[in-house]
Amino acid sequence: VTRQKVDTGKSTLHQAAVEDCVLR
């Protein structure tokens, strides 16, 4: 995996701690 990011336009969770954890 060389790059990972949240697609904010398609996501509805909007919870930074979960997003950061999943990206890691």
mmCIF file of all heavy atoms, coordinates in Angstrom:
data_MODEL
# 
_entry.id   MODEL 
# 
loop_
_atom_site.group_PDB 
_atom_site.id 
_atom_site.type_symbol 
_atom_site.label_atom_id 
_atom_site.label_alt_id 
_atom_site.label_comp_id 
_atom_site.label_asym_id 
_atom_site.label_entity_id 
_atom_site.label_seq_id 
_atom_site.pdbx_PDB_ins_code 
_atom_site.Cartn_x 
_atom_site.Cartn_y 
_atom_site.Cartn_z 
_atom_site.occupancy 
_atom_site.B_iso_or_equiv 
_atom_site.pdbx_formal_charge 
_atom_site.auth_seq_id 
_atom_site.auth_comp_id 
_atom_site.auth_asym_id 
_atom_site.auth_atom_id 
_atom_site.pdbx_PDB_model_num 
ATOM 1   N N   . VAL A 1 1  ? 0.870   -1.174 0.000  1.00 0.00 ? 1  VAL A N   1 
ATOM 2   C CA  . VAL A 1 1  ? 0.000   0.000  0.000  1.00 0.00 ? 1  VAL A CA  1 
ATOM 3   C C   . VAL A 1 1  ? 0.908   1.226  0.000  1.00 0.00 ? 1  VAL A C   1 
ATOM 4   O O   . VAL A 1 1  ? 1.773   1.377  0.862  1.00 0.00 ? 1  VAL A O   1 
ATOM 5   C CB  . VAL A 1 1  ? -0.926  0.009  1.236  1.00 0.00 ? 1  VAL A CB  1 
ATOM 6   C CG1 . VAL A 1 1  ? -1.743  1.288  1.280  1.00 0.00 ? 1  VAL A CG1 1 
ATOM 7   C CG2 . VAL A 1 1  ? -1.845  -1.212 1.210  1.00 0.00 ? 1  VAL A CG2 1 
ATOM 8   N N   . THR A 1 2  ? 0.738   2.091  -0.999 1.00 0.00 ? 2  THR A N   1 
ATOM 9   C CA  . THR A 1 2  ? 1.608   3.257  -1.134 1.00 0.00 ? 2  THR A CA  1 
ATOM 10  C C   . THR A 1 2  ? 0.915   4.554  -0.748 1.00 0.00 ? 2  THR A C   1 
ATOM 11  O O   . THR A 1 2  ? 1.583   5.550  -0.491 1.00 0.00 ? 2  THR A O   1 
ATOM 12  C CB  . THR A 1 2  ? 2.122   3.391  -2.590 1.00 0.00 ? 2  THR A CB  1 
ATOM 13  O OG1 . THR A 1 2  ? 1.000   3.506  -3.462 1.00 0.00 ? 2  THR A OG1 1 
ATOM 14  C CG2 . THR A 1 2  ? 2.971   2.192  -2.966 1.00 0.00 ? 2  THR A CG2 1 
ATOM 15  N N   . ARG A 1 3  ? -0.401  4.570  -0.714 1.00 0.00 ? 3  ARG A N   1 
ATOM 16  C CA  . ARG A 1 3  ? -1.153  5.766  -0.370 1.00 0.00 ? 3  ARG A CA  1 
ATOM 17  C C   . ARG A 1 3  ? -2.521  5.334  0.104  1.00 0.00 ? 3  ARG A C   1 
ATOM 18  O O   . ARG A 1 3  ? -3.117  4.429  -0.474 1.00 0.00 ? 3  ARG A O   1 
ATOM 19  C CB  . ARG A 1 3  ? -1.288  6.668  -1.601 1.00 0.00 ? 3  ARG A CB  1 
ATOM 20  C CG  . ARG A 1 3  ? -2.087  7.936  -1.369 1.00 0.00 ? 3  ARG A CG  1 
ATOM 21  C CD  . ARG A 1 3  ? -2.430  8.662  -2.674 1.00 0.00 ? 3  ARG A CD  1 
ATOM 22  N NE  . ARG A 1 3  ? -3.279  7.875  -3.560 1.00 0.00 ? 3  ARG A NE  1 
ATOM 23  C CZ  . ARG A 1 3  ? -4.594  7.716  -3.425 1.00 0.00 ? 3  ARG A CZ  1 
ATOM 24  N NH1 . ARG A 1 3  ? -5.238  8.247  -2.413 1.00 0.00 ? 3  ARG A NH1 1 
ATOM 25  N NH2 . ARG A 1 3  ? -5.284  7.000  -4.294 1.00 0.00 ? 3  ARG A NH2 1 
ATOM 26  N N   . GLN A 1 4  ? -3.030  5.961  1.137  1.00 0.00 ? 4  GLN A N   1 
ATOM 27  C CA  . GLN A 1 4  ? -4.366  5.651  1.613  1.00 0.00 ? 4  GLN A CA  1 
ATOM 28  C C   . GLN A 1 4  ? -5.008  6.936  2.112  1.00 0.00 ? 4  GLN A C   1 
ATOM 29  O O   . GLN A 1 4  ? -4.331  7.760  2.724  1.00 0.00 ? 4  GLN A O   1 
ATOM 30  C CB  . GLN A 1 4  ? -4.364  4.567  2.696  1.00 0.00 ? 4  GLN A CB  1 
ATOM 31  C CG  . GLN A 1 4  ? -3.710  4.920  3.990  1.00 0.00 ? 4  GLN A CG  1 
ATOM 32  C CD  . GLN A 1 4  ? -2.203  4.771  3.965  1.00 0.00 ? 4  GLN A CD  1 
ATOM 33  O OE1 . GLN A 1 4  ? -1.620  4.286  3.011  1.00 0.00 ? 4  GLN A OE1 1 
ATOM 34  N NE2 . GLN A 1 4  ? -1.545  5.217  5.032  1.00 0.00 ? 4  GLN A NE2 1 
ATOM 35  N N   . LYS A 1 5  ? -6.292  7.112  1.811  1.00 0.00 ? 5  LYS A N   1 
ATOM 36  C CA  . LYS A 1 5  ? -7.004  8.295  2.281  1.00 0.00 ? 5  LYS A CA  1 
ATOM 37  C C   . LYS A 1 5  ? -8.494  8.002  2.345  1.00 0.00 ? 5  LYS A C   1 
ATOM 38  O O   . LYS A 1 5  ? -9.005  7.108  1.664  1.00 0.00 ? 5  LYS A O   1 
ATOM 39  C CB  . LYS A 1 5  ? -6.742  9.506  1.396  1.00 0.00 ? 5  LYS A CB  1 
ATOM 40  C CG  . LYS A 1 5  ? -7.349  9.405  0.013  1.00 0.00 ? 5  LYS A CG  1 
ATOM 41  C CD  . LYS A 1 5  ? -7.153  10.680 -0.769 1.00 0.00 ? 5  LYS A CD  1 
ATOM 42  C CE  . LYS A 1 5  ? -7.956  10.566 -2.065 1.00 0.00 ? 5  LYS A CE  1 
ATOM 43  N NZ  . LYS A 1 5  ? -8.306  11.824 -2.624 1.00 0.00 ? 5  LYS A NZ  1 
ATOM 44  N N   . VAL A 1 6  ? -9.185  8.764  3.177  1.00 0.00 ? 6  VAL A N   1 
ATOM 45  C CA  . VAL A 1 6  ? -10.631 8.655  3.314  1.00 0.00 ? 6  VAL A CA  1 
ATOM 46  C C   . VAL A 1 6  ? -11.275 9.453  2.186  1.00 0.00 ? 6  VAL A C   1 
ATOM 47  O O   . VAL A 1 6  ? -10.867 10.586 1.907  1.00 0.00 ? 6  VAL A O   1 
ATOM 48  C CB  . VAL A 1 6  ? -11.095 9.201  4.678  1.00 0.00 ? 6  VAL A CB  1 
ATOM 49  C CG1 . VAL A 1 6  ? -12.612 9.259  4.761  1.00 0.00 ? 6  VAL A CG1 1 
ATOM 50  C CG2 . VAL A 1 6  ? -10.532 8.351  5.806  1.00 0.00 ? 6  VAL A CG2 1 
ATOM 51  N N   . ASP A 1 7  ? -12.261 8.871  1.531  1.00 0.00 ? 7  ASP A N   1 
ATOM 52  C CA  . ASP A 1 7  ? -13.056 9.586  0.532  1.00 0.00 ? 7  ASP A CA  1 
ATOM 53  C C   . ASP A 1 7  ? -14.173 10.300 1.282  1.00 0.00 ? 7  ASP A C   1 
ATOM 54  O O   . ASP A 1 7  ? -15.226 9.725  1.558  1.00 0.00 ? 7  ASP A O   1 
ATOM 55  C CB  . ASP A 1 7  ? -13.620 8.609  -0.494 1.00 0.00 ? 7  ASP A CB  1 
ATOM 56  C CG  . ASP A 1 7  ? -14.339 9.306  -1.643 1.00 0.00 ? 7  ASP A CG  1 
ATOM 57  O OD1 . ASP A 1 7  ? -14.823 10.436 -1.439 1.00 0.00 ? 7  ASP A OD1 1 
ATOM 58  O OD2 . ASP A 1 7  ? -14.421 8.711  -2.720 1.00 0.00 ? 7  ASP A OD2 1 
ATOM 59  N N   . THR A 1 8  ? -13.918 11.539 1.654  1.00 0.00 ? 8  THR A N   1 
ATOM 60  C CA  . THR A 1 8  ? -14.866 12.278 2.484  1.00 0.00 ? 8  THR A CA  1 
ATOM 61  C C   . THR A 1 8  ? -16.190 12.541 1.780  1.00 0.00 ? 8  THR A C   1 
ATOM 62  O O   . THR A 1 8  ? -17.214 12.699 2.438  1.00 0.00 ? 8  THR A O   1 
ATOM 63  C CB  . THR A 1 8  ? -14.262 13.610 2.966  1.00 0.00 ? 8  THR A CB  1 
ATOM 64  O OG1 . THR A 1 8  ? -13.834 14.365 1.832  1.00 0.00 ? 8  THR A OG1 1 
ATOM 65  C CG2 . THR A 1 8  ? -13.082 13.363 3.897  1.00 0.00 ? 8  THR A CG2 1 
ATOM 66  N N   . GLY A 1 9  ? -16.180 12.564 0.454  1.00 0.00 ? 9  GLY A N   1 
ATOM 67  C CA  . GLY A 1 9  ? -17.409 12.793 -0.287 1.00 0.00 ? 9  GLY A CA  1 
ATOM 68  C C   . GLY A 1 9  ? -18.372 11.615 -0.263 1.00 0.00 ? 9  GLY A C   1 
ATOM 69  O O   . GLY A 1 9  ? -19.577 11.791 -0.442 1.00 0.00 ? 9  GLY A O   1 
ATOM 70  N N   . LYS A 1 10 ? -17.859 10.423 -0.008 1.00 0.00 ? 10 LYS A N   1 
ATOM 71  C CA  . LYS A 1 10 ? -18.685 9.212  0.005  1.00 0.00 ? 10 LYS A CA  1 
ATOM 72  C C   . LYS A 1 10 ? -18.845 8.622  1.404  1.00 0.00 ? 10 LYS A C   1 
ATOM 73  O O   . LYS A 1 10 ? -19.619 7.694  1.580  1.00 0.00 ? 10 LYS A O   1 
ATOM 74  C CB  . LYS A 1 10 ? -18.094 8.162  -0.933 1.00 0.00 ? 10 LYS A CB  1 
ATOM 75  C CG  . LYS A 1 10 ? -18.123 8.574  -2.382 1.00 0.00 ? 10 LYS A CG  1 
ATOM 76  C CD  . LYS A 1 10 ? -17.538 7.510  -3.280 1.00 0.00 ? 10 LYS A CD  1 
ATOM 77  C CE  . LYS A 1 10 ? -17.545 7.957  -4.724 1.00 0.00 ? 10 LYS A CE  1 
ATOM 78  N NZ  . LYS A 1 10 ? -16.856 7.011  -5.584 1.00 0.00 ? 10 LYS A NZ  1 
ATOM 79  N N   . SER A 1 11 ? -18.115 9.146  2.377  1.00 0.00 ? 11 SER A N   1 
ATOM 80  C CA  . SER A 1 11 ? -18.160 8.622  3.738  1.00 0.00 ? 11 SER A CA  1 
ATOM 81  C C   . SER A 1 11 ? -19.194 9.365  4.571  1.00 0.00 ? 11 SER A C   1 
ATOM 82  O O   . SER A 1 11 ? -19.384 10.569 4.404  1.00 0.00 ? 11 SER A O   1 
ATOM 83  C CB  . SER A 1 11 ? -16.789 8.759  4.408  1.00 0.00 ? 11 SER A CB  1 
ATOM 84  O OG  . SER A 1 11 ? -15.837 7.967  3.732  1.00 0.00 ? 11 SER A OG  1 
ATOM 85  N N   . THR A 1 12 ? -19.839 8.628  5.480  1.00 0.00 ? 12 THR A N   1 
ATOM 86  C CA  . THR A 1 12 ? -20.822 9.237  6.378  1.00 0.00 ? 12 THR A CA  1 
ATOM 87  C C   . THR A 1 12 ? -20.444 9.065  7.842  1.00 0.00 ? 12 THR A C   1 
ATOM 88  O O   . THR A 1 12 ? -21.138 9.595  8.708  1.00 0.00 ? 12 THR A O   1 
ATOM 89  C CB  . THR A 1 12 ? -22.224 8.624  6.159  1.00 0.00 ? 12 THR A CB  1 
ATOM 90  O OG1 . THR A 1 12 ? -22.172 7.219  6.440  1.00 0.00 ? 12 THR A OG1 1 
ATOM 91  C CG2 . THR A 1 12 ? -22.710 8.851  4.737  1.00 0.00 ? 12 THR A CG2 1 
ATOM 92  N N   . LEU A 1 13 ? -19.385 8.354  8.133  1.00 0.00 ? 13 LEU A N   1 
ATOM 93  C CA  . LEU A 1 13 ? -18.998 8.096  9.523  1.00 0.00 ? 13 LEU A CA  1 
ATOM 94  C C   . LEU A 1 13 ? -18.502 9.364  10.208 1.00 0.00 ? 13 LEU A C   1 
ATOM 95  O O   . LEU A 1 13 ? -18.939 9.698  11.291 1.00 0.00 ? 13 LEU A O   1 
ATOM 96  C CB  . LEU A 1 13 ? -17.936 7.001  9.590  1.00 0.00 ? 13 LEU A CB  1 
ATOM 97  C CG  . LEU A 1 13 ? -17.526 6.563  10.988 1.00 0.00 ? 13 LEU A CG  1 
ATOM 98  C CD1 . LEU A 1 13 ? -18.691 5.919  11.717 1.00 0.00 ? 13 LEU A CD1 1 
ATOM 99  C CD2 . LEU A 1 13 ? -16.345 5.620  10.929 1.00 0.00 ? 13 LEU A CD2 1 
ATOM 100 N N   . HIS A 1 14 ? -17.559 10.063 9.582  1.00 0.00 ? 14 HIS A N   1 
ATOM 101 C CA  . HIS A 1 14 ? -17.020 11.330 10.089 1.00 0.00 ? 14 HIS A CA  1 
ATOM 102 C C   . HIS A 1 14 ? -16.588 11.234 11.547 1.00 0.00 ? 14 HIS A C   1 
ATOM 103 O O   . HIS A 1 14 ? -17.018 12.006 12.388 1.00 0.00 ? 14 HIS A O   1 
ATOM 104 C CB  . HIS A 1 14 ? -18.024 12.468 9.896  1.00 0.00 ? 14 HIS A CB  1 
ATOM 105 C CG  . HIS A 1 14 ? -18.507 12.605 8.488  1.00 0.00 ? 14 HIS A CG  1 
ATOM 106 N ND1 . HIS A 1 14 ? -17.655 12.877 7.431  1.00 0.00 ? 14 HIS A ND1 1 
ATOM 107 C CD2 . HIS A 1 14 ? -19.740 12.469 7.963  1.00 0.00 ? 14 HIS A CD2 1 
ATOM 108 C CE1 . HIS A 1 14 ? -18.361 12.919 6.312  1.00 0.00 ? 14 HIS A CE1 1 
ATOM 109 N NE2 . HIS A 1 14 ? -19.630 12.665 6.606  1.00 0.00 ? 14 HIS A NE2 1 
ATOM 110 N N   . GLN A 1 15 ? -15.725 10.280 11.831 1.00 0.00 ? 15 GLN A N   1 
ATOM 111 C CA  . GLN A 1 15 ? -15.184 10.097 13.181 1.00 0.00 ? 15 GLN A CA  1 
ATOM 112 C C   . GLN A 1 15 ? -13.670 9.914  13.023 1.00 0.00 ? 15 GLN A C   1 
ATOM 113 O O   . GLN A 1 15 ? -13.206 8.851  12.618 1.00 0.00 ? 15 GLN A O   1 
ATOM 114 C CB  . GLN A 1 15 ? -15.842 8.889  13.845 1.00 0.00 ? 15 GLN A CB  1 
ATOM 115 C CG  . GLN A 1 15 ? -16.057 8.981  15.344 1.00 0.00 ? 15 GLN A CG  1 
ATOM 116 C CD  . GLN A 1 15 ? -14.765 9.032  16.137 1.00 0.00 ? 15 GLN A CD  1 
ATOM 117 O OE1 . GLN A 1 15 ? -13.712 8.625  15.683 1.00 0.00 ? 15 GLN A OE1 1 
ATOM 118 N NE2 . GLN A 1 15 ? -14.854 9.542  17.346 1.00 0.00 ? 15 GLN A NE2 1 
ATOM 119 N N   . ALA A 1 16 ? -12.922 10.972 13.331 1.00 0.00 ? 16 ALA A N   1 
ATOM 120 C CA  . ALA A 1 16 ? -11.484 11.007 13.037 1.00 0.00 ? 16 ALA A CA  1 
ATOM 121 C C   . ALA A 1 16 ? -10.700 9.854  13.662 1.00 0.00 ? 16 ALA A C   1 
ATOM 122 O O   . ALA A 1 16 ? -9.805  9.306  13.020 1.00 0.00 ? 16 ALA A O   1 
ATOM 123 C CB  . ALA A 1 16 ? -10.896 12.347 13.472 1.00 0.00 ? 16 ALA A CB  1 
ATOM 124 N N   . ALA A 1 17 ? -11.013 9.478  14.885 1.00 0.00 ? 17 ALA A N   1 
ATOM 125 C CA  . ALA A 1 17 ? -10.253 8.407  15.541 1.00 0.00 ? 17 ALA A CA  1 
ATOM 126 C C   . ALA A 1 17 ? -10.415 7.079  14.800 1.00 0.00 ? 17 ALA A C   1 
ATOM 127 O O   . ALA A 1 17 ? -9.443  6.348  14.611 1.00 0.00 ? 17 ALA A O   1 
ATOM 128 C CB  . ALA A 1 17 ? -10.678 8.260  16.996 1.00 0.00 ? 17 ALA A CB  1 
ATOM 129 N N   . VAL A 1 18 ? -11.621 6.765  14.355 1.00 0.00 ? 18 VAL A N   1 
ATOM 130 C CA  . VAL A 1 18 ? -11.858 5.526  13.599 1.00 0.00 ? 18 VAL A CA  1 
ATOM 131 C C   . VAL A 1 18 ? -11.165 5.622  12.246 1.00 0.00 ? 18 VAL A C   1 
ATOM 132 O O   . VAL A 1 18 ? -10.494 4.682  11.809 1.00 0.00 ? 18 VAL A O   1 
ATOM 133 C CB  . VAL A 1 18 ? -13.366 5.252  13.415 1.00 0.00 ? 18 VAL A CB  1 
ATOM 134 C CG1 . VAL A 1 18 ? -13.583 4.015  12.562 1.00 0.00 ? 18 VAL A CG1 1 
ATOM 135 C CG2 . VAL A 1 18 ? -14.054 5.094  14.765 1.00 0.00 ? 18 VAL A CG2 1 
ATOM 136 N N   . GLU A 1 19 ? -11.321 6.750  11.567 1.00 0.00 ? 19 GLU A N   1 
ATOM 137 C CA  . GLU A 1 19 ? -10.702 6.929  10.252 1.00 0.00 ? 19 GLU A CA  1 
ATOM 138 C C   . GLU A 1 19 ? -9.191  6.764  10.323 1.00 0.00 ? 19 GLU A C   1 
ATOM 139 O O   . GLU A 1 19 ? -8.602  6.034  9.517  1.00 0.00 ? 19 GLU A O   1 
ATOM 140 C CB  . GLU A 1 19 ? -11.071 8.301  9.687  1.00 0.00 ? 19 GLU A CB  1 
ATOM 141 C CG  . GLU A 1 19 ? -12.538 8.444  9.372  1.00 0.00 ? 19 GLU A CG  1 
ATOM 142 C CD  . GLU A 1 19 ? -12.935 9.861  9.022  1.00 0.00 ? 19 GLU A CD  1 
ATOM 143 O OE1 . GLU A 1 19 ? -12.087 10.791 9.106  1.00 0.00 ? 19 GLU A OE1 1 
ATOM 144 O OE2 . GLU A 1 19 ? -14.110 10.056 8.657  1.00 0.00 ? 19 GLU A OE2 1 
ATOM 145 N N   . ASP A 1 20 ? -8.555  7.430  11.277 1.00 0.00 ? 20 ASP A N   1 
ATOM 146 C CA  . ASP A 1 20 ? -7.099  7.339  11.406 1.00 0.00 ? 20 ASP A CA  1 
ATOM 147 C C   . ASP A 1 20 ? -6.645  5.917  11.712 1.00 0.00 ? 20 ASP A C   1 
ATOM 148 O O   . ASP A 1 20 ? -5.654  5.437  11.154 1.00 0.00 ? 20 ASP A O   1 
ATOM 149 C CB  . ASP A 1 20 ? -6.598  8.286  12.501 1.00 0.00 ? 20 ASP A CB  1 
ATOM 150 C CG  . ASP A 1 20 ? -6.775  9.753  12.137 1.00 0.00 ? 20 ASP A CG  1 
ATOM 151 O OD1 . ASP A 1 20 ? -6.978  10.066 10.953 1.00 0.00 ? 20 ASP A OD1 1 
ATOM 152 O OD2 . ASP A 1 20 ? -6.716  10.588 13.063 1.00 0.00 ? 20 ASP A OD2 1 
ATOM 153 N N   . CYS A 1 21 ? -7.361  5.242  12.586 1.00 0.00 ? 21 CYS A N   1 
ATOM 154 C CA  . CYS A 1 21 ? -7.031  3.865  12.944 1.00 0.00 ? 21 CYS A CA  1 
ATOM 155 C C   . CYS A 1 21 ? -7.137  2.946  11.725 1.00 0.00 ? 21 CYS A C   1 
ATOM 156 O O   . CYS A 1 21 ? -6.240  2.141  11.453 1.00 0.00 ? 21 CYS A O   1 
ATOM 157 C CB  . CYS A 1 21 ? -7.947  3.393  14.064 1.00 0.00 ? 21 CYS A CB  1 
ATOM 158 S SG  . CYS A 1 21 ? -7.648  1.702  14.623 1.00 0.00 ? 21 CYS A SG  1 
ATOM 159 N N   . VAL A 1 22 ? -8.219  3.069  10.967 1.00 0.00 ? 22 VAL A N   1 
ATOM 160 C CA  . VAL A 1 22 ? -8.407  2.237  9.770  1.00 0.00 ? 22 VAL A CA  1 
ATOM 161 C C   . VAL A 1 22 ? -7.307  2.523  8.755  1.00 0.00 ? 22 VAL A C   1 
ATOM 162 O O   . VAL A 1 22 ? -6.734  1.591  8.166  1.00 0.00 ? 22 VAL A O   1 
ATOM 163 C CB  . VAL A 1 22 ? -9.816  2.452  9.170  1.00 0.00 ? 22 VAL A CB  1 
ATOM 164 C CG1 . VAL A 1 22 ? -9.925  1.805  7.793  1.00 0.00 ? 22 VAL A CG1 1 
ATOM 165 C CG2 . VAL A 1 22 ? -10.888 1.907  10.099 1.00 0.00 ? 22 VAL A CG2 1 
ATOM 166 N N   . LEU A 1 23 ? -6.958  3.780  8.553  1.00 0.00 ? 23 LEU A N   1 
ATOM 167 C CA  . LEU A 1 23 ? -5.892  4.115  7.602  1.00 0.00 ? 23 LEU A CA  1 
ATOM 168 C C   . LEU A 1 23 ? -4.558  3.509  8.029  1.00 0.00 ? 23 LEU A C   1 
ATOM 169 O O   . LEU A 1 23 ? -3.805  3.003  7.189  1.00 0.00 ? 23 LEU A O   1 
ATOM 170 C CB  . LEU A 1 23 ? -5.762  5.630  7.465  1.00 0.00 ? 23 LEU A CB  1 
ATOM 171 C CG  . LEU A 1 23 ? -6.916  6.340  6.763  1.00 0.00 ? 23 LEU A CG  1 
ATOM 172 C CD1 . LEU A 1 23 ? -6.689  7.848  6.771  1.00 0.00 ? 23 LEU A CD1 1 
ATOM 173 C CD2 . LEU A 1 23 ? -7.126  5.838  5.347  1.00 0.00 ? 23 LEU A CD2 1 
ATOM 174 N N   . ARG A 1 24 ? -4.261  3.528  9.326  1.00 0.00 ? 24 ARG A N   1 
ATOM 175 C CA  . ARG A 1 24 ? -3.016  2.908  9.810  1.00 0.00 ? 24 ARG A CA  1 
ATOM 176 C C   . ARG A 1 24 ? -3.011  1.405  9.554  1.00 0.00 ? 24 ARG A C   1 
ATOM 177 O O   . ARG A 1 24 ? -1.981  0.827  9.180  1.00 0.00 ? 24 ARG A O   1 
ATOM 178 C CB  . ARG A 1 24 ? -2.828  3.183  11.306 1.00 0.00 ? 24 ARG A CB  1 
ATOM 179 C CG  . ARG A 1 24 ? -2.362  4.584  11.626 1.00 0.00 ? 24 ARG A CG  1 
ATOM 180 C CD  . ARG A 1 24 ? -1.901  4.725  13.083 1.00 0.00 ? 24 ARG A CD  1 
ATOM 181 N NE  . ARG A 1 24 ? -2.885  4.257  14.049 1.00 0.00 ? 24 ARG A NE  1 
ATOM 182 C CZ  . ARG A 1 24 ? -3.862  4.993  14.565 1.00 0.00 ? 24 ARG A CZ  1 
ATOM 183 N NH1 . ARG A 1 24 ? -4.011  6.246  14.179 1.00 0.00 ? 24 ARG A NH1 1 
ATOM 184 N NH2 . ARG A 1 24 ? -4.681  4.491  15.465 1.00 0.00 ? 24 ARG A NH2 1 
# 
